[in-house]
Amino acid sequence: MFEGQRKATCSIQKKLFSLWERYTQKEISTSRLLKECDHAYGPGVLMDSEN
């Protein structure tokens, strides 16, 4: 159980770091950053990675 949760957390963290880098490089807008963060933490993210 914890291993799946750890993988999901690492995956989300990688996505967020990538998004932040794109944002600081002015490749994406603030709205886009927030939308993508919402998707990263959206329902089902942890459940999907456990299967």
N, C-alpha and C. Protein backbone atom coordinates (compact mmCIF):
# COMPACT_ATOMS: atom_id res chain seq x y z
N MET A 1 0.83 -1.20 0.00
CA MET A 1 0.00 0.00 0.00
C MET A 1 0.87 1.26 0.00
N PHE A 2 1.84 1.32 0.88
CA PHE A 2 2.66 2.52 0.97
C PHE A 2 3.53 2.72 -0.26
N GLU A 3 3.97 1.61 -0.87
CA GLU A 3 4.81 1.72 -2.06
C GLU A 3 4.05 2.39 -3.20
N GLY A 4 2.79 2.01 -3.41
CA GLY A 4 1.96 2.64 -4.43
C GLY A 4 1.72 4.11 -4.14
N GLN A 5 1.53 4.41 -2.88
CA GLN A 5 1.31 5.80 -2.48
C GLN A 5 2.59 6.62 -2.70
N ARG A 6 3.73 6.02 -2.40
CA ARG A 6 5.02 6.71 -2.59
C ARG A 6 5.25 6.99 -4.07
N LYS A 7 4.94 6.03 -4.93
CA LYS A 7 5.11 6.22 -6.38
C LYS A 7 4.20 7.34 -6.88
N ALA A 8 2.96 7.34 -6.39
CA ALA A 8 2.01 8.38 -6.80
C ALA A 8 2.49 9.76 -6.36
N THR A 9 3.00 9.84 -5.14
CA THR A 9 3.50 11.10 -4.62
C THR A 9 4.69 11.59 -5.43
N CYS A 10 5.60 10.69 -5.76
CA CYS A 10 6.77 11.06 -6.58
C CYS A 10 6.34 11.54 -7.96
N SER A 11 5.37 10.87 -8.52
CA SER A 11 4.87 11.23 -9.84
C SER A 11 4.26 12.64 -9.82
N ILE A 12 3.46 12.91 -8.81
CA ILE A 12 2.83 14.23 -8.67
C ILE A 12 3.90 15.29 -8.46
N GLN A 13 4.86 15.00 -7.62
CA GLN A 13 5.92 15.96 -7.32
C GLN A 13 6.73 16.29 -8.58
N LYS A 14 7.04 15.29 -9.39
CA LYS A 14 7.77 15.53 -10.64
C LYS A 14 6.96 16.43 -11.56
N LYS A 15 5.67 16.15 -11.64
CA LYS A 15 4.80 16.96 -12.49
C LYS A 15 4.77 18.41 -12.02
N LEU A 16 4.66 18.61 -10.71
CA LEU A 16 4.60 19.96 -10.16
C LEU A 16 5.91 20.71 -10.38
N PHE A 17 7.05 20.05 -10.19
CA PHE A 17 8.33 20.70 -10.43
C PHE A 17 8.47 21.10 -11.89
N SER A 18 8.03 20.22 -12.78
CA SER A 18 8.08 20.52 -14.20
C SER A 18 7.18 21.72 -14.54
N LEU A 19 5.99 21.72 -13.99
CA LEU A 19 5.08 22.85 -14.22
C LEU A 19 5.67 24.15 -13.69
N TRP A 20 6.25 24.10 -12.51
CA TRP A 20 6.82 25.31 -11.92
C TRP A 20 7.96 25.84 -12.79
N GLU A 21 8.79 24.94 -13.30
CA GLU A 21 9.88 25.34 -14.17
C GLU A 21 9.33 26.02 -15.43
N ARG A 22 8.33 25.43 -16.02
CA ARG A 22 7.71 26.03 -17.22
C ARG A 22 7.12 27.40 -16.90
N TYR A 23 6.53 27.52 -15.72
CA TYR A 23 5.94 28.80 -15.30
C TYR A 23 7.02 29.86 -15.11
N THR A 24 8.10 29.51 -14.42
CA THR A 24 9.16 30.50 -14.18
C THR A 24 9.87 30.90 -15.46
N GLN A 25 9.83 30.03 -16.47
CA GLN A 25 10.42 30.35 -17.77
C GLN A 25 9.41 31.09 -18.67
N LYS A 26 8.25 31.40 -18.11
CA LYS A 26 7.18 32.12 -18.83
C LYS A 26 6.63 31.33 -20.02
N GLU A 27 6.70 30.00 -19.93
CA GLU A 27 6.16 29.15 -20.99
C GLU A 27 4.66 28.93 -20.81
N ILE A 28 4.19 29.03 -19.56
CA ILE A 28 2.76 28.87 -19.30
C ILE A 28 2.29 30.01 -18.38
N SER A 29 1.01 30.31 -18.46
CA SER A 29 0.43 31.39 -17.66
C SER A 29 0.10 30.89 -16.25
N THR A 30 -0.21 31.84 -15.39
CA THR A 30 -0.61 31.50 -14.02
C THR A 30 -1.87 30.64 -14.04
N SER A 31 -2.82 31.01 -14.90
CA SER A 31 -4.06 30.22 -14.99
C SER A 31 -3.77 28.78 -15.40
N ARG A 32 -2.88 28.63 -16.37
CA ARG A 32 -2.53 27.28 -16.84
C ARG A 32 -1.83 26.49 -15.74
N LEU A 33 -0.94 27.15 -15.02
CA LEU A 33 -0.25 26.51 -13.90
C LEU A 33 -1.25 25.99 -12.88
N LEU A 34 -2.20 26.83 -12.51
CA LEU A 34 -3.20 26.42 -11.52
C LEU A 34 -4.09 25.30 -12.03
N LYS A 35 -4.49 25.36 -13.28
CA LYS A 35 -5.31 24.29 -13.86
C LYS A 35 -4.56 22.97 -13.85
N GLU A 36 -3.29 23.01 -14.24
CA GLU A 36 -2.49 21.79 -14.28
C GLU A 36 -2.24 21.24 -12.87
N CYS A 37 -2.05 22.13 -11.90
CA CYS A 37 -1.89 21.68 -10.50
C CYS A 37 -3.18 21.03 -10.02
N ASP A 38 -4.30 21.59 -10.41
CA ASP A 38 -5.60 21.02 -10.05
C ASP A 38 -5.71 19.61 -10.62
N HIS A 39 -5.30 19.43 -11.87
CA HIS A 39 -5.35 18.10 -12.48
C HIS A 39 -4.40 17.13 -11.78
N ALA A 40 -3.24 17.62 -11.38
CA ALA A 40 -2.26 16.76 -10.72
C ALA A 40 -2.80 16.22 -9.40
N TYR A 41 -3.56 17.06 -8.69
CA TYR A 41 -4.10 16.65 -7.39
C TYR A 41 -5.55 16.21 -7.47
N GLY A 42 -6.12 16.16 -8.67
CA GLY A 42 -7.53 15.84 -8.84
C GLY A 42 -7.91 14.46 -8.32
N PRO A 43 -9.21 14.23 -8.20
CA PRO A 43 -9.69 12.93 -7.71
C PRO A 43 -9.22 11.79 -8.61
N GLY A 44 -8.90 10.70 -8.01
CA GLY A 44 -8.53 9.53 -8.76
C GLY A 44 -7.05 9.38 -9.04
N VAL A 45 -6.27 10.40 -8.77
CA VAL A 45 -4.84 10.33 -9.06
C VAL A 45 -4.19 9.22 -8.25
N LEU A 46 -4.40 9.20 -6.97
CA LEU A 46 -3.79 8.18 -6.13
C LEU A 46 -4.41 6.81 -6.38
N MET A 47 -5.72 6.77 -6.59
CA MET A 47 -6.38 5.49 -6.82
C MET A 47 -5.92 4.88 -8.14
N ASP A 48 -5.76 5.69 -9.19
CA ASP A 48 -5.34 5.16 -10.49
C ASP A 48 -3.94 4.56 -10.41
N SER A 49 -3.07 5.17 -9.65
CA SER A 49 -1.69 4.68 -9.59
C SER A 49 -1.56 3.43 -8.72
N GLU A 50 -2.55 3.14 -7.90
CA GLU A 50 -2.50 1.96 -7.04
C GLU A 50 -2.83 0.69 -7.80
N ASN A 51 -3.53 0.82 -8.91
CA ASN A 51 -3.94 -0.37 -9.69
C ASN A 51 -2.85 -0.90 -10.54
